[in-house]
Amino acid sequence: MSSRKLVVALLLASLTLAQSAFAHHAFAAEFDVNKPVTLNGKVTKVELINPHGWLYVDVAGPDGKVTNWRVETNGPNALLRRGWRKETVQVGFDVVVQGYQARDGSATANGTSVTLPNGQKLFIGATGTAAPPDDKKN
């Protein structure tokens, strides 16, 4: 391969890697460490997709109004390594989710753990995103 082709190939590879790095956000860009949340509610939807999964949970507020929260989880491969299976969290399950609310104040959170109806607690957060460790909250 000529040096010119090698330089072009390296340039294209570096641009591809840079694009991937920008596409993946850091915790602090979207979520606020000063806004911890504990969500008690019923699962309405589970999306085990890349790069992040999502749990949707109906949570009743003090006034009785129900809000559907979007909770970001780690990707499916990381969840699988932590004990998740497709049937681990199902629509209709009553769960307790801990995490951090979105900076914009919306009903969106970055989850750190989910407690299942049987009492099992699973870590659902992503590591390496500057999110606080699971044991720093509550």
C-alpha atoms as a PDB file:
ATOM      1  CA  MET A   1       0.000   0.000   0.000  1.00  0.00           C
ATOM      2  CA  SER A   2       1.364   3.393  -0.886  1.00  0.00           C
ATOM      3  CA  SER A   3       2.027   5.898   1.874  1.00  0.00           C
ATOM      4  CA  ARG A   4      -0.712   8.164   0.515  1.00  0.00           C
ATOM      5  CA  LYS A   5      -3.312   5.357   0.755  1.00  0.00           C
ATOM      6  CA  LEU A   6      -2.072   4.498   4.232  1.00  0.00           C
ATOM      7  CA  VAL A   7      -2.463   8.102   5.387  1.00  0.00           C
ATOM      8  CA  VAL A   8      -5.994   8.271   3.933  1.00  0.00           C
ATOM      9  CA  ALA A   9      -6.923   4.966   5.595  1.00  0.00           C
ATOM     10  CA  LEU A  10      -5.580   6.137   8.970  1.00  0.00           C
ATOM     11  CA  LEU A  11      -7.401   9.455   8.633  1.00  0.00           C
ATOM     12  CA  LEU A  12     -10.698   7.716   7.881  1.00  0.00           C
ATOM     13  CA  ALA A  13     -10.210   5.322  10.796  1.00  0.00           C
ATOM     14  CA  SER A  14      -9.486   8.180  13.203  1.00  0.00           C
ATOM     15  CA  LEU A  15     -12.555  10.104  12.030  1.00  0.00           C
ATOM     16  CA  THR A  16     -14.721   7.024  12.564  1.00  0.00           C
ATOM     17  CA  LEU A  17     -13.379   6.545  16.087  1.00  0.00           C
ATOM     18  CA  ALA A  18     -13.812  10.230  16.901  1.00  0.00           C
ATOM     19  CA  GLN A  19     -17.425  10.115  15.752  1.00  0.00           C
ATOM     20  CA  SER A  20     -18.098   7.148  18.044  1.00  0.00           C
ATOM     21  CA  ALA A  21     -16.541   8.958  20.978  1.00  0.00           C
ATOM     22  CA  PHE A  22     -18.717  12.025  20.444  1.00  0.00           C
ATOM     23  CA  ALA A  23     -21.865   9.908  20.066  1.00  0.00           C
ATOM     24  CA  HIS A  24     -21.439   8.417  23.535  1.00  0.00           C
ATOM     25  CA  HIS A  25     -22.230  10.983  26.185  1.00  0.00           C
ATOM     26  CA  ALA A  26     -20.738  11.405  29.623  1.00  0.00           C
ATOM     27  CA  PHE A  27     -22.997  11.228  32.673  1.00  0.00           C
ATOM     28  CA  ALA A  28     -22.427  14.888  33.611  1.00  0.00           C
ATOM     29  CA  ALA A  29     -23.515  16.099  30.183  1.00  0.00           C
ATOM     30  CA  GLU A  30     -27.078  14.882  30.698  1.00  0.00           C
ATOM     31  CA  PHE A  31     -27.652  14.010  34.353  1.00  0.00           C
ATOM     32  CA  ASP A  32     -27.233  15.870  37.642  1.00  0.00           C
ATOM     33  CA  VAL A  33     -25.384  14.217  40.528  1.00  0.00           C
ATOM     34  CA  ASN A  34     -27.184  16.668  42.833  1.00  0.00           C
ATOM     35  CA  LYS A  35     -30.613  15.318  41.804  1.00  0.00           C
ATOM     36  CA  PRO A  36     -30.767  11.733  43.113  1.00  0.00           C
ATOM     37  CA  VAL A  37     -34.143  10.051  42.591  1.00  0.00           C
ATOM     38  CA  THR A  38     -35.837   6.967  43.975  1.00  0.00           C
ATOM     39  CA  LEU A  39     -38.690   5.877  41.752  1.00  0.00           C
ATOM     40  CA  ASN A  40     -41.326   3.443  43.027  1.00  0.00           C
ATOM     41  CA  GLY A  41     -43.589   2.299  40.258  1.00  0.00           C
ATOM     42  CA  LYS A  42     -44.810  -0.149  37.667  1.00  0.00           C
ATOM     43  CA  VAL A  43     -42.750  -1.049  34.591  1.00  0.00           C
ATOM     44  CA  THR A  44     -44.555  -0.097  31.376  1.00  0.00           C
ATOM     45  CA  LYS A  45     -41.835  -0.861  28.822  1.00  0.00           C
ATOM     46  CA  VAL A  46     -38.365  -2.434  28.660  1.00  0.00           C
ATOM     47  CA  GLU A  47     -35.932  -1.676  25.819  1.00  0.00           C
ATOM     48  CA  LEU A  48     -32.718  -3.698  25.916  1.00  0.00           C
ATOM     49  CA  ILE A  49     -30.967  -1.899  23.062  1.00  0.00           C
ATOM     50  CA  ASN A  50     -27.516  -0.506  22.330  1.00  0.00           C
ATOM     51  CA  PRO A  51     -25.819   1.662  23.317  1.00  0.00           C
ATOM     52  CA  HIS A  52     -28.101   2.078  26.360  1.00  0.00           C
ATOM     53  CA  GLY A  53     -31.202   0.254  27.470  1.00  0.00           C
ATOM     54  CA  TRP A  54     -34.303   1.998  28.802  1.00  0.00           C
ATOM     55  CA  LEU A  55     -36.842   1.168  31.486  1.00  0.00           C
ATOM     56  CA  TYR A  56     -40.124   3.040  31.483  1.00  0.00           C
ATOM     57  CA  VAL A  57     -41.810   3.231  34.867  1.00  0.00           C
ATOM     58  CA  ASP A  58     -45.159   4.770  35.874  1.00  0.00           C
ATOM     59  CA  VAL A  59     -44.561   6.642  39.129  1.00  0.00           C
ATOM     60  CA  ALA A  60     -47.367   8.204  41.187  1.00  0.00           C
ATOM     61  CA  GLY A  61     -46.489  11.571  42.693  1.00  0.00           C
ATOM     62  CA  PRO A  62     -47.641  12.853  46.110  1.00  0.00           C
ATOM     63  CA  ASP A  63     -50.726  14.350  44.405  1.00  0.00           C
ATOM     64  CA  GLY A  64     -51.591  10.974  42.818  1.00  0.00           C
ATOM     65  CA  LYS A  65     -50.647  12.132  39.320  1.00  0.00           C
ATOM     66  CA  VAL A  66     -48.838   9.359  37.422  1.00  0.00           C
ATOM     67  CA  THR A  67     -45.734  10.242  35.416  1.00  0.00           C
ATOM     68  CA  ASN A  68     -43.992   7.835  33.052  1.00  0.00           C
ATOM     69  CA  TRP A  69     -40.244   8.034  33.781  1.00  0.00           C
ATOM     70  CA  ARG A  70     -37.583   7.033  31.252  1.00  0.00           C
ATOM     71  CA  VAL A  71     -34.644   5.384  33.004  1.00  0.00           C
ATOM     72  CA  GLU A  72     -31.409   4.875  31.104  1.00  0.00           C
ATOM     73  CA  THR A  73     -29.593   1.613  31.818  1.00  0.00           C
ATOM     74  CA  ASN A  74     -26.349   0.151  30.633  1.00  0.00           C
ATOM     75  CA  GLY A  75     -26.329  -1.718  27.314  1.00  0.00           C
ATOM     76  CA  PRO A  76     -27.687  -5.264  27.023  1.00  0.00           C
ATOM     77  CA  ASN A  77     -24.282  -7.004  27.055  1.00  0.00           C
ATOM     78  CA  ALA A  78     -23.238  -5.303  30.299  1.00  0.00           C
ATOM     79  CA  LEU A  79     -26.637  -6.095  31.862  1.00  0.00           C
ATOM     80  CA  LEU A  80     -26.307  -9.728  30.789  1.00  0.00           C
ATOM     81  CA  ARG A  81     -22.943  -9.937  32.578  1.00  0.00           C
ATOM     82  CA  ARG A  82     -24.667  -8.578  35.700  1.00  0.00           C
ATOM     83  CA  GLY A  83     -27.326 -11.279  35.755  1.00  0.00           C
ATOM     84  CA  TRP A  84     -30.056  -9.825  33.550  1.00  0.00           C
ATOM     85  CA  ARG A  85     -32.081 -11.967  31.197  1.00  0.00           C
ATOM     86  CA  LYS A  86     -34.990 -10.973  28.934  1.00  0.00           C
ATOM     87  CA  GLU A  87     -37.431 -11.993  31.667  1.00  0.00           C
ATOM     88  CA  THR A  88     -35.580 -10.249  34.535  1.00  0.00           C
ATOM     89  CA  VAL A  89     -37.670  -7.076  34.346  1.00  0.00           C
ATOM     90  CA  GLN A  90     -41.110  -7.420  32.811  1.00  0.00           C
ATOM     91  CA  VAL A  91     -43.944  -5.051  32.025  1.00  0.00           C
ATOM     92  CA  GLY A  92     -46.214  -4.912  35.057  1.00  0.00           C
ATOM     93  CA  PHE A  93     -43.463  -5.488  37.659  1.00  0.00           C
ATOM     94  CA  ASP A  94     -43.485  -3.152  40.660  1.00  0.00           C
ATOM     95  CA  VAL A  95     -39.893  -1.937  40.998  1.00  0.00           C
ATOM     96  CA  VAL A  96     -37.785   0.576  42.878  1.00  0.00           C
ATOM     97  CA  VAL A  97     -35.272   2.369  40.688  1.00  0.00           C
ATOM     98  CA  GLN A  98     -32.492   4.544  42.018  1.00  0.00           C
ATOM     99  CA  GLY A  99     -30.616   6.994  39.861  1.00  0.00           C
ATOM    100  CA  TYR A 100     -30.074  10.626  38.960  1.00  0.00           C
ATOM    101  CA  GLN A 101     -32.503  12.958  37.228  1.00  0.00           C
ATOM    102  CA  ALA A 102     -31.782  14.648  33.914  1.00  0.00           C
ATOM    103  CA  ARG A 103     -30.322  18.156  34.082  1.00  0.00           C
ATOM    104  CA  ASP A 104     -33.332  19.530  32.177  1.00  0.00           C
ATOM    105  CA  GLY A 105     -35.692  18.438  34.984  1.00  0.00           C
ATOM    106  CA  SER A 106     -37.632  16.047  32.765  1.00  0.00           C
ATOM    107  CA  ALA A 107     -38.900  12.663  33.918  1.00  0.00           C
ATOM    108  CA  THR A 108     -35.693  11.066  32.679  1.00  0.00           C
ATOM    109  CA  ALA A 109     -33.040   9.481  34.854  1.00  0.00           C
ATOM    110  CA  ASN A 110     -29.778   7.617  34.622  1.00  0.00           C
ATOM    111  CA  GLY A 111     -30.412   4.485  36.649  1.00  0.00           C
ATOM    112  CA  THR A 112     -27.926   3.056  39.113  1.00  0.00           C
ATOM    113  CA  SER A 113     -29.981   0.133  40.452  1.00  0.00           C
ATOM    114  CA  VAL A 114     -33.343  -1.564  40.220  1.00  0.00           C
ATOM    115  CA  THR A 115     -34.946  -3.582  43.009  1.00  0.00           C
ATOM    116  CA  LEU A 116     -37.249  -6.308  41.721  1.00  0.00           C
ATOM    117  CA  PRO A 117     -40.504  -7.509  43.341  1.00  0.00           C
ATOM    118  CA  ASN A 118     -38.631 -10.474  44.887  1.00  0.00           C
ATOM    119  CA  GLY A 119     -36.194  -8.073  46.607  1.00  0.00           C
ATOM    120  CA  GLN A 120     -33.278  -8.753  44.275  1.00  0.00           C
ATOM    121  CA  LYS A 121     -31.271  -5.579  43.611  1.00  0.00           C
ATOM    122  CA  LEU A 122     -29.362  -5.262  40.335  1.00  0.00           C
ATOM    123  CA  PHE A 123     -26.842  -2.623  39.303  1.00  0.00           C
ATOM    124  CA  ILE A 124     -27.970  -1.082  36.012  1.00  0.00           C
ATOM    125  CA  GLY A 125     -25.628   1.873  35.609  1.00  0.00           C
ATOM    126  CA  ALA A 126     -22.863   2.412  33.127  1.00  0.00           C
ATOM    127  CA  THR A 127     -19.282   2.577  34.299  1.00  0.00           C
ATOM    128  CA  GLY A 128     -16.697   4.946  32.883  1.00  0.00           C
ATOM    129  CA  THR A 129     -19.168   7.781  32.239  1.00  0.00           C
ATOM    130  CA  ALA A 130     -18.211   9.856  35.303  1.00  0.00           C
ATOM    131  CA  ALA A 131     -21.419   8.756  37.047  1.00  0.00           C
ATOM    132  CA  PRO A 132     -21.036   8.424  40.808  1.00  0.00           C
ATOM    133  CA  PRO A 133     -20.549   4.879  42.113  1.00  0.00           C
ATOM    134  CA  ASP A 134     -23.742   3.086  43.186  1.00  0.00           C
ATOM    135  CA  ASP A 135     -22.755   3.235  46.887  1.00  0.00           C
ATOM    136  CA  LYS A 136     -22.490   7.073  46.929  1.00  0.00           C
ATOM    137  CA  LYS A 137     -26.239   7.622  47.015  1.00  0.00           C
ATOM    138  CA  ASN A 138     -28.895   6.935  49.671  1.00  0.00           C
END
